[in-house]
């Protein structure tokens, strides 16, 4: 006699990765970042500061088990070969994290940054209206620069979404990994992820111009090839967005030139002076306004004849003079913006002084004394 097993008619729940409890804690506490390291409890970054969670110290075995559970076979293979991997992780179908898994001292660590799934408009991000003016350009290289964690990716996402909503065009992004997901509006948006849609940046940039783009996001300007591709696209009638780790417009120009051999820099300098449309520099500061965790202080350079000449002549250190003298053109000085944020009660003066390019200028500005540009050309 064969014994029949009873039919299990219970609703099966999807298995939840063990790692997701940490991601959910980040969502619940509105943390910007999650860190996992062997020998330490999980840490969350709140208002710019790393805080311990109440959990136990994590073992190497526990972290490896949790990380490998969310990696695909191809991702595991890549990680084993390279010792690091970037990917996007999503929980509950609405919360996304830009995640990096890496080895340090032979053990696995994880760093993840929360990415808003809803792309905020400029007003919600407290960004200046000049960004809309920049987005309406039809060609040129637009750089968003600043330190790690200052919101560069979010700013560019907001700019791309503005174009998506207001212009009939083809937007192509090359990302590692894809962070914000765009829905076609007036534009069509093609998002290409490294390792999934294309082998690497080199391949993606090689074929980019064959895909008939109007607007391009090439990610971080990390090497000469990416910068060259961006400049070439900008010169041939495309609006190109990229990011860079630098403090301001002058440093951004230096950083780009440093990516090239010495014997090529004079030619690159001339090309940059013509290709750059705008450089947006930003930092994030703790905000005193209720309901706002952090607020950006922003410098905006929109290239005009004076700015192009300074870059061409190797005098980019004088770009702040151009910015201060051309605010009617939409430009914005960082010191002036910091002063505004202090005066309207958005930030603590102590925080403003930490990020001021020149503390004496900020002190004078807060007293109502403004500096003027001199000797620009």
Protein backbone atom coordinates (compact mmCIF):
# COMPACT_ATOMS: atom_id res chain seq x y z
CA UNK A 1 0.00 0.00 0.00
CA UNK A 2 1.36 3.37 -1.05
CA UNK A 3 1.01 6.13 1.48
CA UNK A 4 0.03 9.42 -0.11
CA UNK A 5 1.71 12.51 1.20
CA UNK A 6 -0.73 15.25 2.18
CA UNK A 7 -0.94 18.17 -0.23
CA UNK A 8 0.70 21.29 1.18
CA UNK A 9 -1.70 24.06 0.19
CA UNK A 10 -0.02 26.75 2.26
CA UNK A 11 1.04 29.93 0.47
CA UNK A 12 4.79 29.83 0.05
CA UNK A 13 6.61 32.98 0.98
CA UNK A 14 9.63 34.13 -0.96
CA UNK A 15 12.90 33.52 0.83
CA UNK A 16 14.37 36.74 2.21
CA UNK A 17 18.16 37.07 2.12
CA UNK A 18 19.70 37.35 5.58
CA UNK A 19 21.47 40.53 4.52
CA UNK A 20 18.18 42.33 3.93
CA UNK A 21 17.60 42.90 7.65
CA UNK A 22 20.54 45.31 7.60
CA UNK A 23 19.26 47.07 4.48
CA UNK A 24 15.81 47.36 6.10
CA UNK A 25 17.39 48.89 9.20
CA UNK A 26 19.01 51.48 6.95
CA UNK A 27 15.64 52.27 5.37
CA UNK A 28 13.86 52.46 8.73
CA UNK A 29 16.43 54.82 10.26
CA UNK A 30 16.82 56.87 7.05
CA UNK A 31 20.53 56.08 7.03
CA UNK A 32 22.48 57.04 3.93
CA UNK A 33 25.01 54.19 4.11
CA UNK A 34 25.48 50.67 5.47
CA UNK A 35 28.88 49.16 6.36
CA UNK A 36 29.69 45.55 7.23
CA UNK A 37 33.18 44.59 8.44
CA UNK A 38 34.52 41.51 10.21
CA UNK A 39 34.88 42.02 13.96
CA UNK A 40 32.46 44.94 14.07
CA UNK A 41 28.68 45.23 14.38
CA UNK A 42 26.92 46.58 11.30
CA UNK A 43 27.27 50.35 11.06
CA UNK A 44 24.87 52.93 9.61
CA UNK A 45 25.69 56.47 8.53
CA UNK A 46 23.20 58.94 10.01
CA UNK A 47 23.50 62.68 9.33
CA UNK A 48 27.02 62.09 8.04
CA UNK A 49 28.24 60.14 11.10
CA UNK A 50 28.81 56.37 11.35
CA UNK A 51 26.83 54.76 14.18
CA UNK A 52 26.99 51.19 15.56
CA UNK A 53 23.90 49.00 15.43
CA UNK A 54 22.91 46.89 18.43
CA UNK A 55 23.82 43.62 16.73
CA UNK A 56 26.78 41.41 17.54
CA UNK A 57 30.19 41.70 15.93
CA UNK A 58 30.11 39.99 12.53
CA UNK A 59 32.31 37.00 11.73
CA UNK A 60 34.07 36.39 8.42
CA UNK A 61 31.90 33.32 7.83
CA UNK A 62 28.68 35.23 8.50
CA UNK A 63 29.51 38.08 6.13
CA UNK A 64 30.61 35.69 3.38
CA UNK A 65 27.42 33.64 3.75
CA UNK A 66 25.18 36.72 3.59
CA UNK A 67 27.01 38.36 0.69
CA UNK A 68 27.25 35.23 -1.45
CA UNK A 69 23.52 34.65 -0.93
CA UNK A 70 22.66 37.80 -2.91
CA UNK A 71 25.30 37.47 -5.65
CA UNK A 72 24.56 35.69 -8.91
CA UNK A 73 26.99 32.98 -10.09
CA UNK A 74 28.49 35.45 -12.58
CA UNK A 75 28.90 38.09 -9.87
CA UNK A 76 30.55 35.58 -7.54
CA UNK A 77 33.00 34.64 -10.27
CA UNK A 78 33.80 38.29 -10.96
CA UNK A 79 34.33 38.95 -7.25
CA UNK A 80 36.60 35.94 -6.83
CA UNK A 81 38.72 37.13 -9.76
CA UNK A 82 38.89 40.83 -8.93
CA UNK A 83 38.38 41.04 -5.16
CA UNK A 84 35.67 43.69 -5.55
CA UNK A 85 32.32 44.15 -7.28
CA UNK A 86 29.73 46.92 -7.68
CA UNK A 87 26.04 46.15 -8.04
CA UNK A 88 22.60 47.50 -7.17
CA UNK A 89 20.57 45.67 -4.52
CA UNK A 90 16.83 46.20 -4.14
CA UNK A 91 14.56 45.30 -1.23
CA UNK A 92 10.76 45.27 -1.09
CA UNK A 93 10.67 46.34 -4.73
CA UNK A 94 11.18 50.00 -3.88
CA UNK A 95 14.40 50.61 -1.96
CA UNK A 96 17.67 50.49 -3.93
CA UNK A 97 21.24 50.47 -2.68
CA UNK A 98 24.43 51.04 -4.65
CA UNK A 99 26.54 48.27 -3.16
CA UNK A 100 30.25 47.51 -3.20
CA UNK A 101 31.66 44.24 -1.87
CA UNK A 102 35.43 44.11 -1.44
CA UNK A 103 38.22 42.24 0.31
CA UNK A 104 40.39 43.85 2.95
CA UNK A 105 43.06 41.90 4.85
CA UNK A 106 41.73 38.78 3.14
CA UNK A 107 38.20 39.21 4.51
CA UNK A 108 34.98 40.40 2.89
CA UNK A 109 33.54 43.84 3.64
CA UNK A 110 30.48 45.60 2.28
CA UNK A 111 29.63 49.26 1.77
CA UNK A 112 26.19 50.25 0.46
CA UNK A 113 24.67 53.64 -0.24
CA UNK A 114 20.93 54.13 -0.32
CA UNK A 115 19.56 55.51 -3.59
CA UNK A 116 16.15 57.14 -3.77
CA UNK A 117 13.93 55.32 -6.26
CA UNK A 118 11.93 58.49 -6.81
CA UNK A 119 14.01 61.09 -8.63
CA UNK A 120 13.53 64.41 -6.82
CA UNK A 121 13.20 67.66 -8.80
CA UNK A 122 15.67 70.51 -8.31
CA UNK A 123 13.42 72.28 -5.81
CA UNK A 124 13.24 69.29 -3.46
CA UNK A 125 17.02 68.89 -3.61
CA UNK A 126 17.49 72.62 -2.88
CA UNK A 127 19.49 73.02 -6.09
CA UNK A 128 19.77 76.39 -7.88
CA UNK A 129 17.47 77.17 -10.84
CA UNK A 130 20.55 77.58 -13.06
CA UNK A 131 20.60 73.78 -13.44
CA UNK A 132 17.48 73.98 -15.60
CA UNK A 133 19.26 76.52 -17.79
CA UNK A 134 22.21 74.11 -18.16
CA UNK A 135 19.88 71.21 -19.03
CA UNK A 136 18.40 73.23 -21.87
CA UNK A 137 21.81 73.34 -23.59
CA UNK A 138 22.05 71.26 -26.73
CA UNK A 139 25.73 70.41 -26.47
CA UNK A 140 28.74 70.58 -24.19
CA UNK A 141 30.34 68.75 -21.28
CA UNK A 142 28.63 69.16 -17.90
CA UNK A 143 30.60 68.03 -14.85
CA UNK A 144 29.14 67.53 -11.38
CA UNK A 145 32.00 67.44 -8.90
CA UNK A 146 32.50 67.07 -5.17
CA UNK A 147 33.70 64.65 -2.48
CA UNK A 148 32.36 61.12 -2.03
CA UNK A 149 28.81 61.11 -0.66
CA UNK A 150 27.96 64.70 -1.64
CA UNK A 151 25.01 63.74 -3.85
CA UNK A 152 26.62 63.99 -7.31
CA UNK A 153 24.68 60.99 -8.66
CA UNK A 154 21.37 62.35 -7.36
CA UNK A 155 22.01 65.77 -8.88
CA UNK A 156 22.79 64.27 -12.29
CA UNK A 157 19.74 61.98 -12.05
CA UNK A 158 17.57 65.03 -11.37
CA UNK A 159 19.09 66.84 -14.36
CA UNK A 160 18.59 63.86 -16.67
CA UNK A 161 15.00 63.48 -15.44
CA UNK A 162 14.39 67.18 -16.16
CA UNK A 163 15.54 66.64 -19.75
CA UNK A 164 13.46 63.45 -19.94
CA UNK A 165 10.33 65.39 -18.96
CA UNK A 166 10.91 68.46 -21.12
CA UNK A 167 12.64 67.42 -24.36
CA UNK A 168 12.03 64.91 -27.15
CA UNK A 169 15.43 63.23 -27.45
CA UNK A 170 17.39 60.02 -26.87
CA UNK A 171 19.27 59.81 -23.56
CA UNK A 172 21.89 57.08 -23.03
CA UNK A 173 23.45 56.36 -19.65
CA UNK A 174 26.46 54.11 -19.02
CA UNK A 175 26.45 53.08 -15.35
CA UNK A 176 28.26 50.74 -12.97
CA UNK A 177 25.77 49.83 -11.59
CA UNK A 178 22.46 51.43 -12.65
CA UNK A 179 21.16 53.38 -9.66
CA UNK A 180 18.12 55.44 -10.60
CA UNK A 181 15.60 53.90 -12.99
CA UNK A 182 14.18 56.34 -15.54
CA UNK A 183 10.75 55.97 -17.14
CA UNK A 184 10.43 57.34 -20.66
CA UNK A 185 8.54 60.64 -20.72
CA UNK A 186 9.10 63.06 -23.60
CA UNK A 187 12.47 61.42 -24.17
CA UNK A 188 13.47 57.79 -24.51
CA UNK A 189 16.10 56.69 -22.00
CA UNK A 190 18.47 53.78 -22.65
CA UNK A 191 20.31 52.67 -19.51
CA UNK A 192 23.33 50.40 -20.00
CA UNK A 193 24.91 48.61 -17.06
CA UNK A 194 28.52 47.47 -17.07
CA UNK A 195 28.75 43.69 -16.86
CA UNK A 196 25.11 43.22 -17.81
CA UNK A 197 24.48 45.20 -21.01
CA UNK A 198 28.08 45.82 -22.04
CA UNK A 199 31.39 44.23 -21.11
CA UNK A 200 33.11 47.38 -19.88
CA UNK A 201 33.27 51.15 -20.25
CA UNK A 202 35.64 50.83 -23.20
CA UNK A 203 33.12 48.80 -25.21
CA UNK A 204 30.22 51.05 -24.20
CA UNK A 205 32.03 54.23 -25.21
CA UNK A 206 33.28 52.72 -28.47
CA UNK A 207 29.75 52.10 -29.75
CA UNK A 208 28.01 55.00 -28.03
CA UNK A 209 27.85 57.33 -31.02
CA UNK A 210 26.33 54.59 -33.20
CA UNK A 211 23.25 54.53 -30.96
CA UNK A 212 22.07 58.02 -32.01
CA UNK A 213 22.15 59.75 -28.60
CA UNK A 214 21.32 63.39 -27.95
CA UNK A 215 22.23 63.32 -24.26
CA UNK A 216 24.84 61.04 -22.68
CA UNK A 217 25.82 60.21 -19.09
CA UNK A 218 29.25 58.57 -19.04
CA UNK A 219 29.60 58.17 -15.27
CA UNK A 220 32.81 59.04 -13.48
CA UNK A 221 35.61 60.67 -15.48
CA UNK A 222 38.10 58.10 -14.23
CA UNK A 223 40.56 57.87 -17.12
CA UNK A 224 41.79 59.64 -20.25
CA UNK A 225 39.69 57.45 -22.53
CA UNK A 226 36.43 58.43 -20.81
CA UNK A 227 37.36 62.12 -20.85
CA UNK A 228 38.33 61.94 -24.53
CA UNK A 229 35.05 60.21 -25.41
CA UNK A 230 33.12 62.83 -23.44
CA UNK A 231 34.91 65.74 -25.11
CA UNK A 232 34.47 64.23 -28.57
CA UNK A 233 30.74 63.72 -27.99
CA UNK A 234 30.38 67.27 -26.64
CA UNK A 235 32.21 68.69 -29.66
CA UNK A 236 29.96 66.84 -32.09
CA UNK A 237 26.66 68.24 -30.84
CA UNK A 238 25.80 66.14 -27.78
CA UNK A 239 25.09 67.15 -24.19
CA UNK A 240 27.37 65.02 -22.01
CA UNK A 241 27.22 64.54 -18.23
CA UNK A 242 30.00 63.15 -16.04
CA UNK A 243 31.15 63.19 -12.43
CA UNK A 244 34.54 63.84 -10.85
CA UNK A 245 36.02 63.83 -7.36
CA UNK A 246 37.24 67.41 -6.91
CA UNK A 247 36.39 70.36 -4.71
CA UNK A 248 35.65 73.05 -7.29
CA UNK A 249 35.83 74.06 -10.95
CA UNK A 250 39.54 74.91 -10.91
CA UNK A 251 40.46 71.59 -9.31
CA UNK A 252 38.21 69.76 -11.77
CA UNK A 253 40.17 71.14 -14.73
CA UNK A 254 43.45 70.13 -13.04
CA UNK A 255 42.16 66.62 -12.34
CA UNK A 256 41.06 66.10 -15.93
CA UNK A 257 44.41 67.26 -17.30
CA UNK A 258 46.31 65.03 -14.87
CA UNK A 259 44.68 61.99 -16.49
CA UNK A 260 46.67 62.64 -19.69
CA UNK A 261 50.40 62.31 -20.45
CA UNK A 262 52.33 65.57 -20.09
CA UNK A 263 52.92 65.90 -23.83
CA UNK A 264 49.16 65.82 -24.57
CA UNK A 265 47.96 68.30 -21.97
CA UNK A 266 48.26 71.51 -24.00
CA UNK A 267 46.01 70.12 -26.72
CA UNK A 268 43.58 68.66 -24.16
CA UNK A 269 43.45 72.03 -22.38
CA UNK A 270 42.38 73.77 -25.59
CA UNK A 271 39.75 71.10 -26.26
CA UNK A 272 38.41 71.32 -22.70
CA UNK A 273 38.11 75.10 -22.90
CA UNK A 274 35.72 74.69 -25.83
CA UNK A 275 33.93 71.52 -24.69
CA UNK A 276 33.02 72.36 -21.09
CA UNK A 277 29.53 73.82 -20.77
CA UNK A 278 29.28 73.91 -16.98
CA UNK A 279 30.92 72.68 -13.78
CA UNK A 280 28.66 72.19 -10.76
CA UNK A 281 30.49 71.73 -7.45
CA UNK A 282 28.61 70.70 -4.32
CA UNK A 283 28.98 69.62 -0.72
CA UNK A 284 26.32 68.31 1.67
CA UNK A 285 25.93 69.88 5.09
CA UNK A 286 23.76 68.97 8.12
CA UNK A 287 20.54 70.96 7.86
CA UNK A 288 18.78 72.72 10.73
CA UNK A 289 15.43 72.77 8.93
CA UNK A 290 12.94 70.24 10.33
CA UNK A 291 12.44 67.28 8.00
CA UNK A 292 15.60 67.95 5.98
CA UNK A 293 18.63 65.83 6.93
CA UNK A 294 21.26 67.46 4.74
CA UNK A 295 21.31 70.34 2.29
CA UNK A 296 23.73 71.10 -0.56
CA UNK A 297 25.92 74.15 -0.88
CA UNK A 298 26.57 74.62 -4.59
CA UNK A 299 28.99 76.44 -6.86
CA UNK A 300 27.92 76.84 -10.50
CA UNK A 301 30.27 77.77 -13.34
CA UNK A 302 28.63 78.24 -16.74
CA UNK A 303 31.37 78.77 -19.28
CA UNK A 304 31.46 82.11 -21.06
CA UNK A 305 34.22 83.77 -23.08
CA UNK A 306 36.11 84.79 -19.93
CA UNK A 307 36.00 81.29 -18.43
CA UNK A 308 37.07 79.65 -21.69
CA UNK A 309 40.03 82.01 -22.00
CA UNK A 310 41.16 81.30 -18.43
CA UNK A 311 41.03 77.53 -19.01
CA UNK A 312 42.80 77.88 -22.36
CA UNK A 313 45.56 80.06 -20.84
CA UNK A 314 46.12 77.78 -17.84
CA UNK A 315 44.65 80.32 -15.42
CA UNK A 316 41.77 78.22 -14.09
CA UNK A 317 42.70 79.29 -10.55
CA UNK A 318 41.01 82.60 -11.45
CA UNK A 319 37.67 80.97 -12.32
CA UNK A 320 36.13 82.05 -8.97
CA UNK A 321 36.49 85.66 -10.20
CA UNK A 322 34.41 84.82 -13.28
CA UNK A 323 31.75 83.16 -11.12
CA UNK A 324 31.49 86.15 -8.77
CA UNK A 325 31.27 88.64 -11.64
CA UNK A 326 28.64 86.74 -13.65
CA UNK A 327 25.91 85.81 -11.20
CA UNK A 328 23.40 87.48 -13.53
CA UNK A 329 24.26 84.70 -16.03
CA UNK A 330 23.17 82.03 -13.54
CA UNK A 331 26.54 81.39 -11.95
CA UNK A 332 26.74 80.86 -8.19
CA UNK A 333 29.67 81.32 -5.83
CA UNK A 334 30.08 78.69 -3.08
CA UNK A 335 30.95 81.26 -0.41
CA UNK A 336 27.87 83.31 -1.34
CA UNK A 337 25.67 80.21 -1.17
CA UNK A 338 27.10 79.21 2.23
CA UNK A 339 26.38 82.73 3.46
CA UNK A 340 22.78 82.50 2.21
CA UNK A 341 22.27 79.15 3.95
CA UNK A 342 23.56 80.54 7.25
CA UNK A 343 21.44 83.68 7.02
CA UNK A 344 18.22 81.80 6.29
CA UNK A 345 18.83 79.42 9.19
CA UNK A 346 19.44 76.29 7.10
CA UNK A 347 22.94 75.51 8.40
CA UNK A 348 25.12 76.19 11.42
CA UNK A 349 27.85 78.82 10.81
CA UNK A 350 30.44 76.36 12.15
CA UNK A 351 29.52 73.92 9.37
CA UNK A 352 29.73 76.69 6.78
CA UNK A 353 33.29 77.57 7.82
CA UNK A 354 34.34 73.93 7.42
CA UNK A 355 33.51 74.03 3.71
CA UNK A 356 34.28 77.65 2.84
CA UNK A 357 37.02 77.99 0.19
CA UNK A 358 38.13 81.13 2.03
CA UNK A 359 37.00 81.59 5.62
CA UNK A 360 37.85 85.31 5.63
CA UNK A 361 35.64 85.89 2.59
CA UNK A 362 32.80 84.04 4.31
CA UNK A 363 33.28 86.07 7.47
CA UNK A 364 33.06 89.30 5.45
CA UNK A 365 30.04 88.05 3.51
CA UNK A 366 28.19 87.26 6.74
CA UNK A 367 28.87 90.86 7.80
CA UNK A 368 27.43 92.12 4.52
CA UNK A 369 30.78 92.93 2.91
CA UNK A 370 31.13 91.46 -0.58
CA UNK A 371 34.30 90.90 -2.57
CA UNK A 372 34.53 91.88 -6.21
CA UNK A 373 36.29 90.24 -9.11
CA UNK A 374 39.45 91.90 -10.34
CA UNK A 375 41.98 91.29 -13.06
CA UNK A 376 40.08 88.46 -14.69
CA UNK A 377 41.68 88.79 -18.10
